[in-house]
C-alpha atoms as a PDB file:
ATOM      1  CA  UNK A   1       4.793  -4.676 -22.307  1.00  0.00           C
ATOM      2  CA  UNK A   2       8.277  -3.758 -23.507  1.00  0.00           C
ATOM      3  CA  UNK A   3      10.957  -6.363 -24.069  1.00  0.00           C
ATOM      4  CA  UNK A   4      13.502  -6.889 -21.311  1.00  0.00           C
ATOM      5  CA  UNK A   5      16.666  -8.901 -21.099  1.00  0.00           C
ATOM      6  CA  UNK A   6      15.752 -12.404 -20.036  1.00  0.00           C
ATOM      7  CA  UNK A   7      17.019 -13.500 -16.651  1.00  0.00           C
ATOM      8  CA  UNK A   8      17.421 -17.154 -15.798  1.00  0.00           C
ATOM      9  CA  UNK A   9      17.697 -17.704 -12.044  1.00  0.00           C
ATOM     10  CA  UNK A  10      20.623 -19.881 -10.985  1.00  0.00           C
ATOM     11  CA  UNK A  11      19.939 -23.260  -9.425  1.00  0.00           C
ATOM     12  CA  UNK A  12      21.215 -21.931  -6.082  1.00  0.00           C
ATOM     13  CA  UNK A  13      21.166 -18.200  -5.354  1.00  0.00           C
ATOM     14  CA  UNK A  14      24.296 -16.696  -3.829  1.00  0.00           C
ATOM     15  CA  UNK A  15      25.057 -13.185  -2.644  1.00  0.00           C
ATOM     16  CA  UNK A  16      27.984 -12.226  -4.847  1.00  0.00           C
ATOM     17  CA  UNK A  17      27.292  -8.622  -5.805  1.00  0.00           C
ATOM     18  CA  UNK A  18      25.585  -5.489  -4.456  1.00  0.00           C
ATOM     19  CA  UNK A  19      21.819  -5.484  -4.902  1.00  0.00           C
ATOM     20  CA  UNK A  20      21.792  -1.983  -6.350  1.00  0.00           C
ATOM     21  CA  UNK A  21      19.333   0.777  -5.576  1.00  0.00           C
ATOM     22  CA  UNK A  22      19.099   3.315  -2.813  1.00  0.00           C
ATOM     23  CA  UNK A  23      19.519   0.856   0.053  1.00  0.00           C
ATOM     24  CA  UNK A  24      22.130  -1.534  -1.313  1.00  0.00           C
ATOM     25  CA  UNK A  25      24.608  -0.652   1.439  1.00  0.00           C
ATOM     26  CA  UNK A  26      22.305  -2.019   4.154  1.00  0.00           C
ATOM     27  CA  UNK A  27      20.791  -5.022   2.386  1.00  0.00           C
ATOM     28  CA  UNK A  28      22.266  -8.425   3.168  1.00  0.00           C
ATOM     29  CA  UNK A  29      20.966 -12.004   3.365  1.00  0.00           C
ATOM     30  CA  UNK A  30      21.975 -12.635   6.977  1.00  0.00           C
ATOM     31  CA  UNK A  31      20.850 -11.281  10.340  1.00  0.00           C
ATOM     32  CA  UNK A  32      22.671 -10.253  13.482  1.00  0.00           C
ATOM     33  CA  UNK A  33      24.905  -7.363  14.522  1.00  0.00           C
ATOM     34  CA  UNK A  34      27.771  -6.025  12.450  1.00  0.00           C
ATOM     35  CA  UNK A  35      29.353  -4.043  15.255  1.00  0.00           C
ATOM     36  CA  UNK A  36      29.266  -3.497  18.984  1.00  0.00           C
ATOM     37  CA  UNK A  37      27.229  -0.496  20.072  1.00  0.00           C
ATOM     38  CA  UNK A  38      25.081  -0.134  23.137  1.00  0.00           C
ATOM     39  CA  UNK A  39      21.839   1.802  22.979  1.00  0.00           C
ATOM     40  CA  UNK A  40      21.489   5.021  24.981  1.00  0.00           C
ATOM     41  CA  UNK A  41      18.918   5.109  27.761  1.00  0.00           C
ATOM     42  CA  UNK A  42      17.097   8.270  28.821  1.00  0.00           C
ATOM     43  CA  UNK A  43      15.067   9.118  31.891  1.00  0.00           C
ATOM     44  CA  UNK A  44      11.568   8.186  30.748  1.00  0.00           C
ATOM     45  CA  UNK A  45       9.714   4.869  31.145  1.00  0.00           C
ATOM     46  CA  UNK A  46       9.639   4.242  27.402  1.00  0.00           C
ATOM     47  CA  UNK A  47      12.743   4.210  25.214  1.00  0.00           C
ATOM     48  CA  UNK A  48      12.134   4.359  21.467  1.00  0.00           C
ATOM     49  CA  UNK A  49      14.850   3.773  18.861  1.00  0.00           C
ATOM     50  CA  UNK A  50      13.510   4.800  15.491  1.00  0.00           C
ATOM     51  CA  UNK A  51      13.460   6.891  12.341  1.00  0.00           C
ATOM     52  CA  UNK A  52      10.629   9.015  10.946  1.00  0.00           C
ATOM     53  CA  UNK A  53       9.546   6.551   8.254  1.00  0.00           C
ATOM     54  CA  UNK A  54       5.899   5.421   8.112  1.00  0.00           C
ATOM     55  CA  UNK A  55       6.532   2.536  10.516  1.00  0.00           C
ATOM     56  CA  UNK A  56       8.332   4.830  12.938  1.00  0.00           C
ATOM     57  CA  UNK A  57       5.626   7.499  12.746  1.00  0.00           C
ATOM     58  CA  UNK A  58       2.978   5.005  13.839  1.00  0.00           C
ATOM     59  CA  UNK A  59       4.560   4.687  17.261  1.00  0.00           C
ATOM     60  CA  UNK A  60       5.445   8.342  17.874  1.00  0.00           C
ATOM     61  CA  UNK A  61       1.884   9.303  16.924  1.00  0.00           C
ATOM     62  CA  UNK A  62       0.551   6.766  19.421  1.00  0.00           C
ATOM     63  CA  UNK A  63       2.827   8.043  22.178  1.00  0.00           C
ATOM     64  CA  UNK A  64       1.911  11.679  21.524  1.00  0.00           C
ATOM     65  CA  UNK A  65      -1.793  10.777  21.474  1.00  0.00           C
ATOM     66  CA  UNK A  66      -1.449   8.991  24.810  1.00  0.00           C
ATOM     67  CA  UNK A  67       0.308  11.980  26.325  1.00  0.00           C
ATOM     68  CA  UNK A  68      -2.407  14.268  24.969  1.00  0.00           C
ATOM     69  CA  UNK A  69      -4.939  12.153  26.890  1.00  0.00           C
ATOM     70  CA  UNK A  70      -2.971  12.702  30.085  1.00  0.00           C
ATOM     71  CA  UNK A  71      -1.190   9.341  30.319  1.00  0.00           C
ATOM     72  CA  UNK A  72       2.040  10.560  31.895  1.00  0.00           C
ATOM     73  CA  UNK A  73       3.374   7.002  31.934  1.00  0.00           C
ATOM     74  CA  UNK A  74       3.695   7.267  28.172  1.00  0.00           C
ATOM     75  CA  UNK A  75       6.532   9.788  28.434  1.00  0.00           C
ATOM     76  CA  UNK A  76       9.336   8.668  26.200  1.00  0.00           C
ATOM     77  CA  UNK A  77      12.794   9.268  24.861  1.00  0.00           C
ATOM     78  CA  UNK A  78      13.047   8.921  21.083  1.00  0.00           C
ATOM     79  CA  UNK A  79      16.558   8.167  19.861  1.00  0.00           C
ATOM     80  CA  UNK A  80      17.455   8.551  16.199  1.00  0.00           C
ATOM     81  CA  UNK A  81      18.479   5.414  14.311  1.00  0.00           C
ATOM     82  CA  UNK A  82      20.054   6.285  10.982  1.00  0.00           C
ATOM     83  CA  UNK A  83      19.414   3.190   8.903  1.00  0.00           C
ATOM     84  CA  UNK A  84      21.557   4.347   5.977  1.00  0.00           C
ATOM     85  CA  UNK A  85      24.493   4.414   8.409  1.00  0.00           C
ATOM     86  CA  UNK A  86      23.707   0.891   9.657  1.00  0.00           C
ATOM     87  CA  UNK A  87      22.719   1.909  13.207  1.00  0.00           C
ATOM     88  CA  UNK A  88      20.142  -0.908  13.197  1.00  0.00           C
ATOM     89  CA  UNK A  89      22.949  -3.466  13.040  1.00  0.00           C
ATOM     90  CA  UNK A  90      24.541  -2.374  16.315  1.00  0.00           C
ATOM     91  CA  UNK A  91      24.603  -5.055  19.011  1.00  0.00           C
ATOM     92  CA  UNK A  92      22.319  -3.100  21.338  1.00  0.00           C
ATOM     93  CA  UNK A  93      19.686  -2.527  18.682  1.00  0.00           C
ATOM     94  CA  UNK A  94      19.746  -6.151  17.531  1.00  0.00           C
ATOM     95  CA  UNK A  95      19.268  -7.262  21.139  1.00  0.00           C
ATOM     96  CA  UNK A  96      15.961  -5.350  21.164  1.00  0.00           C
ATOM     97  CA  UNK A  97      14.967  -6.069  17.578  1.00  0.00           C
ATOM     98  CA  UNK A  98      16.581  -9.189  16.094  1.00  0.00           C
ATOM     99  CA  UNK A  99      15.025  -8.248  12.744  1.00  0.00           C
ATOM    100  CA  UNK A 100      17.181  -5.073  12.572  1.00  0.00           C
ATOM    101  CA  UNK A 101      14.301  -2.861  11.430  1.00  0.00           C
ATOM    102  CA  UNK A 102      12.996   0.308  13.011  1.00  0.00           C
ATOM    103  CA  UNK A 103      11.270   0.920  15.319  1.00  0.00           C
ATOM    104  CA  UNK A 104      12.425  -0.802  18.491  1.00  0.00           C
ATOM    105  CA  UNK A 105      10.913  -0.033  21.894  1.00  0.00           C
ATOM    106  CA  UNK A 106      11.865  -0.872  25.460  1.00  0.00           C
ATOM    107  CA  UNK A 107       9.414  -0.426  28.337  1.00  0.00           C
ATOM    108  CA  UNK A 108      11.460   0.188  31.492  1.00  0.00           C
ATOM    109  CA  UNK A 109       8.518   1.058  33.739  1.00  0.00           C
ATOM    110  CA  UNK A 110       8.508  -2.307  35.520  1.00  0.00           C
ATOM    111  CA  UNK A 111      11.042  -4.379  37.450  1.00  0.00           C
ATOM    112  CA  UNK A 112      12.292  -5.986  34.242  1.00  0.00           C
ATOM    113  CA  UNK A 113      12.625  -4.216  30.877  1.00  0.00           C
ATOM    114  CA  UNK A 114      10.241  -5.427  28.181  1.00  0.00           C
ATOM    115  CA  UNK A 115      11.404  -5.279  24.572  1.00  0.00           C
ATOM    116  CA  UNK A 116       9.094  -4.820  21.623  1.00  0.00           C
ATOM    117  CA  UNK A 117       9.730  -5.020  17.910  1.00  0.00           C
ATOM    118  CA  UNK A 118       7.283  -4.691  15.006  1.00  0.00           C
ATOM    119  CA  UNK A 119       5.282  -1.460  14.972  1.00  0.00           C
ATOM    120  CA  UNK A 120       1.898  -3.187  15.101  1.00  0.00           C
ATOM    121  CA  UNK A 121       2.924  -5.075  18.229  1.00  0.00           C
ATOM    122  CA  UNK A 122       3.951  -1.782  19.826  1.00  0.00           C
ATOM    123  CA  UNK A 123       0.606  -0.146  19.049  1.00  0.00           C
ATOM    124  CA  UNK A 124      -1.310  -3.093  20.488  1.00  0.00           C
ATOM    125  CA  UNK A 125       0.927  -3.281  23.573  1.00  0.00           C
ATOM    126  CA  UNK A 126       0.595   0.431  24.321  1.00  0.00           C
ATOM    127  CA  UNK A 127      -3.161   0.397  23.716  1.00  0.00           C
ATOM    128  CA  UNK A 128      -3.604  -2.441  26.202  1.00  0.00           C
ATOM    129  CA  UNK A 129      -1.138  -0.974  28.702  1.00  0.00           C
ATOM    130  CA  UNK A 130      -2.921   2.386  28.853  1.00  0.00           C
ATOM    131  CA  UNK A 131      -6.461   1.298  27.965  1.00  0.00           C
ATOM    132  CA  UNK A 132      -6.740   3.694  25.037  1.00  0.00           C
ATOM    133  CA  UNK A 133      -7.405   3.666  21.297  1.00  0.00           C
ATOM    134  CA  UNK A 134      -8.475   0.008  21.314  1.00  0.00           C
ATOM    135  CA  UNK A 135     -12.239  -0.501  21.574  1.00  0.00           C
ATOM    136  CA  UNK A 136     -13.531  -2.861  24.258  1.00  0.00           C
ATOM    137  CA  UNK A 137     -16.824  -3.807  22.584  1.00  0.00           C
ATOM    138  CA  UNK A 138     -16.164  -7.135  20.875  1.00  0.00           C
ATOM    139  CA  UNK A 139     -17.295  -6.379  17.329  1.00  0.00           C
ATOM    140  CA  UNK A 140     -15.607  -2.959  17.180  1.00  0.00           C
ATOM    141  CA  UNK A 141     -12.409  -4.360  18.693  1.00  0.00           C
ATOM    142  CA  UNK A 142     -12.409  -7.116  16.090  1.00  0.00           C
ATOM    143  CA  UNK A 143     -12.840  -4.531  13.329  1.00  0.00           C
ATOM    144  CA  UNK A 144      -9.972  -2.477  14.730  1.00  0.00           C
ATOM    145  CA  UNK A 145      -7.627  -5.465  14.913  1.00  0.00           C
ATOM    146  CA  UNK A 146      -8.609  -6.659  11.454  1.00  0.00           C
ATOM    147  CA  UNK A 147      -7.685  -3.287   9.927  1.00  0.00           C
ATOM    148  CA  UNK A 148      -4.512  -3.084  12.010  1.00  0.00           C
ATOM    149  CA  UNK A 149      -3.306  -6.399  10.615  1.00  0.00           C
ATOM    150  CA  UNK A 150      -4.576  -5.489   7.149  1.00  0.00           C
ATOM    151  CA  UNK A 151      -2.144  -2.596   7.234  1.00  0.00           C
ATOM    152  CA  UNK A 152       0.705  -4.742   8.508  1.00  0.00           C
ATOM    153  CA  UNK A 153       0.068  -7.251   5.743  1.00  0.00           C
ATOM    154  CA  UNK A 154      -0.304  -4.666   2.993  1.00  0.00           C
ATOM    155  CA  UNK A 155       2.766  -2.539   3.840  1.00  0.00           C
ATOM    156  CA  UNK A 156       5.275  -4.749   1.972  1.00  0.00           C
ATOM    157  CA  UNK A 157       3.272  -4.389  -1.249  1.00  0.00           C
ATOM    158  CA  UNK A 158       3.128  -0.627  -0.897  1.00  0.00           C
ATOM    159  CA  UNK A 159       6.641   0.035   0.374  1.00  0.00           C
ATOM    160  CA  UNK A 160       8.920  -2.836  -0.551  1.00  0.00           C
ATOM    161  CA  UNK A 161       6.936  -3.506  -3.703  1.00  0.00           C
ATOM    162  CA  UNK A 162       5.613  -0.331  -5.319  1.00  0.00           C
ATOM    163  CA  UNK A 163       7.823   2.152  -3.478  1.00  0.00           C
ATOM    164  CA  UNK A 164      10.989   0.218  -4.162  1.00  0.00           C
ATOM    165  CA  UNK A 165      10.465  -0.493  -7.842  1.00  0.00           C
ATOM    166  CA  UNK A 166       8.935   2.900  -8.670  1.00  0.00           C
ATOM    167  CA  UNK A 167      11.259   5.154  -6.665  1.00  0.00           C
ATOM    168  CA  UNK A 168      14.359   3.313  -5.473  1.00  0.00           C
ATOM    169  CA  UNK A 169      15.311   0.460  -7.818  1.00  0.00           C
ATOM    170  CA  UNK A 170      18.410   1.087  -9.978  1.00  0.00           C
ATOM    171  CA  UNK A 171      16.438   0.257 -13.141  1.00  0.00           C
ATOM    172  CA  UNK A 172      12.772   0.713 -13.992  1.00  0.00           C
ATOM    173  CA  UNK A 173      11.155  -2.667 -14.586  1.00  0.00           C
ATOM    174  CA  UNK A 174       7.785  -2.322 -16.279  1.00  0.00           C
ATOM    175  CA  UNK A 175       6.396  -5.611 -15.027  1.00  0.00           C
ATOM    176  CA  UNK A 176       7.348  -4.915 -11.411  1.00  0.00           C
ATOM    177  CA  UNK A 177       6.002  -1.342 -11.428  1.00  0.00           C
ATOM    178  CA  UNK A 178       2.771  -2.397 -13.116  1.00  0.00           C
ATOM    179  CA  UNK A 179       2.278  -5.304 -10.738  1.00  0.00           C
ATOM    180  CA  UNK A 180       2.734  -3.263  -7.571  1.00  0.00           C
ATOM    181  CA  UNK A 181       0.976  -0.140  -8.859  1.00  0.00           C
ATOM    182  CA  UNK A 182      -2.043  -2.355  -9.503  1.00  0.00           C
ATOM    183  CA  UNK A 183      -1.888  -3.738  -5.979  1.00  0.00           C
ATOM    184  CA  UNK A 184      -1.380  -0.311  -4.409  1.00  0.00           C
ATOM    185  CA  UNK A 185      -4.424   1.065  -6.222  1.00  0.00           C
ATOM    186  CA  UNK A 186      -6.424  -1.970  -5.154  1.00  0.00           C
ATOM    187  CA  UNK A 187      -5.454  -1.316  -1.535  1.00  0.00           C
ATOM    188  CA  UNK A 188      -6.399   2.356  -1.862  1.00  0.00           C
ATOM    189  CA  UNK A 189      -9.755   1.232  -3.237  1.00  0.00           C
ATOM    190  CA  UNK A 190     -10.273  -1.155  -0.305  1.00  0.00           C
ATOM    191  CA  UNK A 191      -9.544   1.709   2.073  1.00  0.00           C
ATOM    192  CA  UNK A 192     -11.708   4.185   0.167  1.00  0.00           C
ATOM    193  CA  UNK A 193     -14.731   1.896   0.190  1.00  0.00           C
ATOM    194  CA  UNK A 194     -14.382   1.275   3.911  1.00  0.00           C
ATOM    195  CA  UNK A 195     -14.130   4.996   4.631  1.00  0.00           C
ATOM    196  CA  UNK A 196     -17.098   5.872   2.413  1.00  0.00           C
ATOM    197  CA  UNK A 197     -19.433   4.839   5.233  1.00  0.00           C
ATOM    198  CA  UNK A 198     -17.144   5.155   8.253  1.00  0.00           C
ATOM    199  CA  UNK A 199     -15.290   8.095   9.747  1.00  0.00           C
ATOM    200  CA  UNK A 200     -12.413   5.830  10.744  1.00  0.00           C
ATOM    201  CA  UNK A 201     -11.311   2.297  10.019  1.00  0.00           C
ATOM    202  CA  UNK A 202     -13.019   0.725  13.028  1.00  0.00           C
ATOM    203  CA  UNK A 203     -16.170   2.811  12.559  1.00  0.00           C
ATOM    204  CA  UNK A 204     -16.919   6.029  14.431  1.00  0.00           C
ATOM    205  CA  UNK A 205     -13.887   5.890  16.734  1.00  0.00           C
ATOM    206  CA  UNK A 206     -10.247   6.757  16.079  1.00  0.00           C
ATOM    207  CA  UNK A 207      -8.052   3.778  16.961  1.00  0.00           C
ATOM    208  CA  UNK A 208      -4.632   2.212  16.559  1.00  0.00           C
ATOM    209  CA  UNK A 209      -5.799   0.938  13.173  1.00  0.00           C
ATOM    210  CA  UNK A 210      -5.898   4.528  11.903  1.00  0.00           C
ATOM    211  CA  UNK A 211      -2.530   5.291  13.483  1.00  0.00           C
ATOM    212  CA  UNK A 212      -1.048   2.313  11.653  1.00  0.00           C
ATOM    213  CA  UNK A 213      -2.544   3.088   8.256  1.00  0.00           C
ATOM    214  CA  UNK A 214      -2.268   6.876   8.199  1.00  0.00           C
ATOM    215  CA  UNK A 215       1.534   7.232   7.848  1.00  0.00           C
ATOM    216  CA  UNK A 216       1.461   4.914   4.830  1.00  0.00           C
ATOM    217  CA  UNK A 217      -1.729   5.875   3.008  1.00  0.00           C
ATOM    218  CA  UNK A 218      -1.915   9.436   4.294  1.00  0.00           C
ATOM    219  CA  UNK A 219       1.680   9.825   3.186  1.00  0.00           C
ATOM    220  CA  UNK A 220       0.763   8.554  -0.235  1.00  0.00           C
ATOM    221  CA  UNK A 221      -2.197  10.880  -0.821  1.00  0.00           C
ATOM    222  CA  UNK A 222      -1.051  13.976   1.094  1.00  0.00           C
ATOM    223  CA  UNK A 223       2.718  14.101   1.362  1.00  0.00           C
ATOM    224  CA  UNK A 224       3.970  12.955  -2.021  1.00  0.00           C
ATOM    225  CA  UNK A 225       5.392   9.678  -0.779  1.00  0.00           C
ATOM    226  CA  UNK A 226       7.566   8.061  -3.495  1.00  0.00           C
ATOM    227  CA  UNK A 227       6.734  11.016  -5.772  1.00  0.00           C
ATOM    228  CA  UNK A 228       3.815   8.958  -7.042  1.00  0.00           C
ATOM    229  CA  UNK A 229       0.677  11.032  -6.372  1.00  0.00           C
ATOM    230  CA  UNK A 230       0.037  11.813 -10.031  1.00  0.00           C
ATOM    231  CA  UNK A 231       1.125   8.379 -11.240  1.00  0.00           C
ATOM    232  CA  UNK A 232      -1.383   6.677  -8.927  1.00  0.00           C
ATOM    233  CA  UNK A 233      -4.123   9.322  -9.381  1.00  0.00           C
ATOM    234  CA  UNK A 234      -4.492   9.529  -5.617  1.00  0.00           C
ATOM    235  CA  UNK A 235      -7.037  12.356  -5.853  1.00  0.00           C
ATOM    236  CA  UNK A 236      -9.572   9.743  -7.030  1.00  0.00           C
ATOM    237  CA  UNK A 237      -9.793   8.312  -3.526  1.00  0.00           C
ATOM    238  CA  UNK A 238     -11.867  11.082  -1.979  1.00  0.00           C
ATOM    239  CA  UNK A 239     -12.743   9.204   1.204  1.00  0.00           C
ATOM    240  CA  UNK A 240      -9.095   8.336   1.851  1.00  0.00           C
ATOM    241  CA  UNK A 241      -8.226  12.000   1.342  1.00  0.00           C
ATOM    242  CA  UNK A 242     -10.950  13.134   3.757  1.00  0.00           C
ATOM    243  CA  UNK A 243      -9.747  10.641   6.386  1.00  0.00           C
ATOM    244  CA  UNK A 244      -6.100  11.616   5.848  1.00  0.00           C
ATOM    245  CA  UNK A 245      -6.944  15.309   6.309  1.00  0.00           C
ATOM    246  CA  UNK A 246      -8.920  14.652   9.502  1.00  0.00           C
ATOM    247  CA  UNK A 247      -6.128  12.652  11.102  1.00  0.00           C
ATOM    248  CA  UNK A 248      -3.412  14.989   9.865  1.00  0.00           C
ATOM    249  CA  UNK A 249      -5.146  17.900  11.600  1.00  0.00           C
ATOM    250  CA  UNK A 250      -4.727  16.315  15.025  1.00  0.00           C
ATOM    251  CA  UNK A 251      -1.995  18.124  17.028  1.00  0.00           C
ATOM    252  CA  UNK A 252      -0.634  14.861  18.450  1.00  0.00           C
ATOM    253  CA  UNK A 253      -0.314  13.440  14.942  1.00  0.00           C
ATOM    254  CA  UNK A 254       1.520  16.555  13.783  1.00  0.00           C
ATOM    255  CA  UNK A 255       3.951  16.208  16.677  1.00  0.00           C
ATOM    256  CA  UNK A 256       4.388  12.500  16.149  1.00  0.00           C
ATOM    257  CA  UNK A 257       5.251  13.001  12.504  1.00  0.00           C
ATOM    258  CA  UNK A 258       8.084  15.352  13.471  1.00  0.00           C
ATOM    259  CA  UNK A 259       9.878  12.961  15.817  1.00  0.00           C
ATOM    260  CA  UNK A 260      13.001  11.253  14.396  1.00  0.00           C
ATOM    261  CA  UNK A 261      12.297  12.945  11.062  1.00  0.00           C
ATOM    262  CA  UNK A 262      15.400  13.741   8.995  1.00  0.00           C
ATOM    263  CA  UNK A 263      13.880  15.057   5.759  1.00  0.00           C
ATOM    264  CA  UNK A 264      11.635  17.916   4.715  1.00  0.00           C
ATOM    265  CA  UNK A 265      11.584  21.420   6.125  1.00  0.00           C
ATOM    266  CA  UNK A 266      13.979  21.883   9.068  1.00  0.00           C
ATOM    267  CA  UNK A 267      11.069  23.175  11.153  1.00  0.00           C
ATOM    268  CA  UNK A 268       9.391  19.763  10.714  1.00  0.00           C
ATOM    269  CA  UNK A 269      12.405  17.788  11.933  1.00  0.00           C
ATOM    270  CA  UNK A 270      12.893  16.868  15.575  1.00  0.00           C
ATOM    271  CA  UNK A 271      15.723  14.367  15.339  1.00  0.00           C
ATOM    272  CA  UNK A 272      15.438  13.273  18.957  1.00  0.00           C
ATOM    273  CA  UNK A 273      12.707  13.847  21.481  1.00  0.00           C
ATOM    274  CA  UNK A 274      13.424  13.731  25.229  1.00  0.00           C
ATOM    275  CA  UNK A 275      10.894  16.235  26.534  1.00  0.00           C
ATOM    276  CA  UNK A 276       7.688  17.836  25.313  1.00  0.00           C
ATOM    277  CA  UNK A 277       9.473  21.183  25.212  1.00  0.00           C
ATOM    278  CA  UNK A 278      11.785  19.851  22.481  1.00  0.00           C
ATOM    279  CA  UNK A 279       9.127  20.598  19.877  1.00  0.00           C
ATOM    280  CA  UNK A 280       9.503  24.294  20.618  1.00  0.00           C
ATOM    281  CA  UNK A 281      13.264  24.435  21.125  1.00  0.00           C
ATOM    282  CA  UNK A 282      15.070  21.611  19.316  1.00  0.00           C
ATOM    283  CA  UNK A 283      13.679  21.346  15.797  1.00  0.00           C
ATOM    284  CA  UNK A 284      16.410  21.604  13.187  1.00  0.00           C
ATOM    285  CA  UNK A 285      15.594  25.200  12.270  1.00  0.00           C
ATOM    286  CA  UNK A 286      15.816  26.271  15.938  1.00  0.00           C
ATOM    287  CA  UNK A 287      19.125  24.446  16.422  1.00  0.00           C
ATOM    288  CA  UNK A 288      20.565  25.968  13.250  1.00  0.00           C
ATOM    289  CA  UNK A 289      19.541  29.457  14.358  1.00  0.00           C
ATOM    290  CA  UNK A 290      21.232  28.946  17.725  1.00  0.00           C
ATOM    291  CA  UNK A 291      24.565  27.913  16.206  1.00  0.00           C
END
């Protein structure tokens, strides 16, 4: 390991300088709103406030899958939250999600709005509300929930750990990159071994566990997430790749990945979704052509 300047932590840490890196303008050690801003409300039962990151994609995939099954109660408005602009610190957003992270969801189908924050909680809530993508047989349900929470627990190591230090940190720290690359490869190996004998994470059925894991691990092996495919030798994980291809071929997944997306080809970006027809008429390439 190469030498690095030694850092001695102070007795008491204080926030006295920018953290550096791609997201320094939105990182702070306190919670709560920074400005007053109410959230818009559309006409559908479900109001989603999000961005097309892996955690956001989980929920839009779930909603599109529910609609594909014919659950009209899953119709939704998806509003774009630009985290680099600090939209997540508006008073309305913080009222729904006190953690100021995307996504945030409000179910307005009943007499009193129900707020949800944390993507895994949203998947579980929607699965129970509509009776879909969550097995009812006890052992399969337990497997599904175990893999759902495995993904929730592993995401910080993949994103905030490996992704941050490999792709976003202002300086490359060998120890940090090595530590989180090791953990990311271990997680890929866990996933690969599970999928060697199972079509999906819970077994033979596609569930919310797959919807949770696919945007993260599918993104890593298929979409060049963090620019790390070669570095992590992702082609080694053949069962993860097979699973990622199978899920990525689903039309509802393809639609869900487009919603609130602000990067990539303009034809893949649907910044806001308020009707199913928006996929055909309001992607960024269509809007640009109409201007």
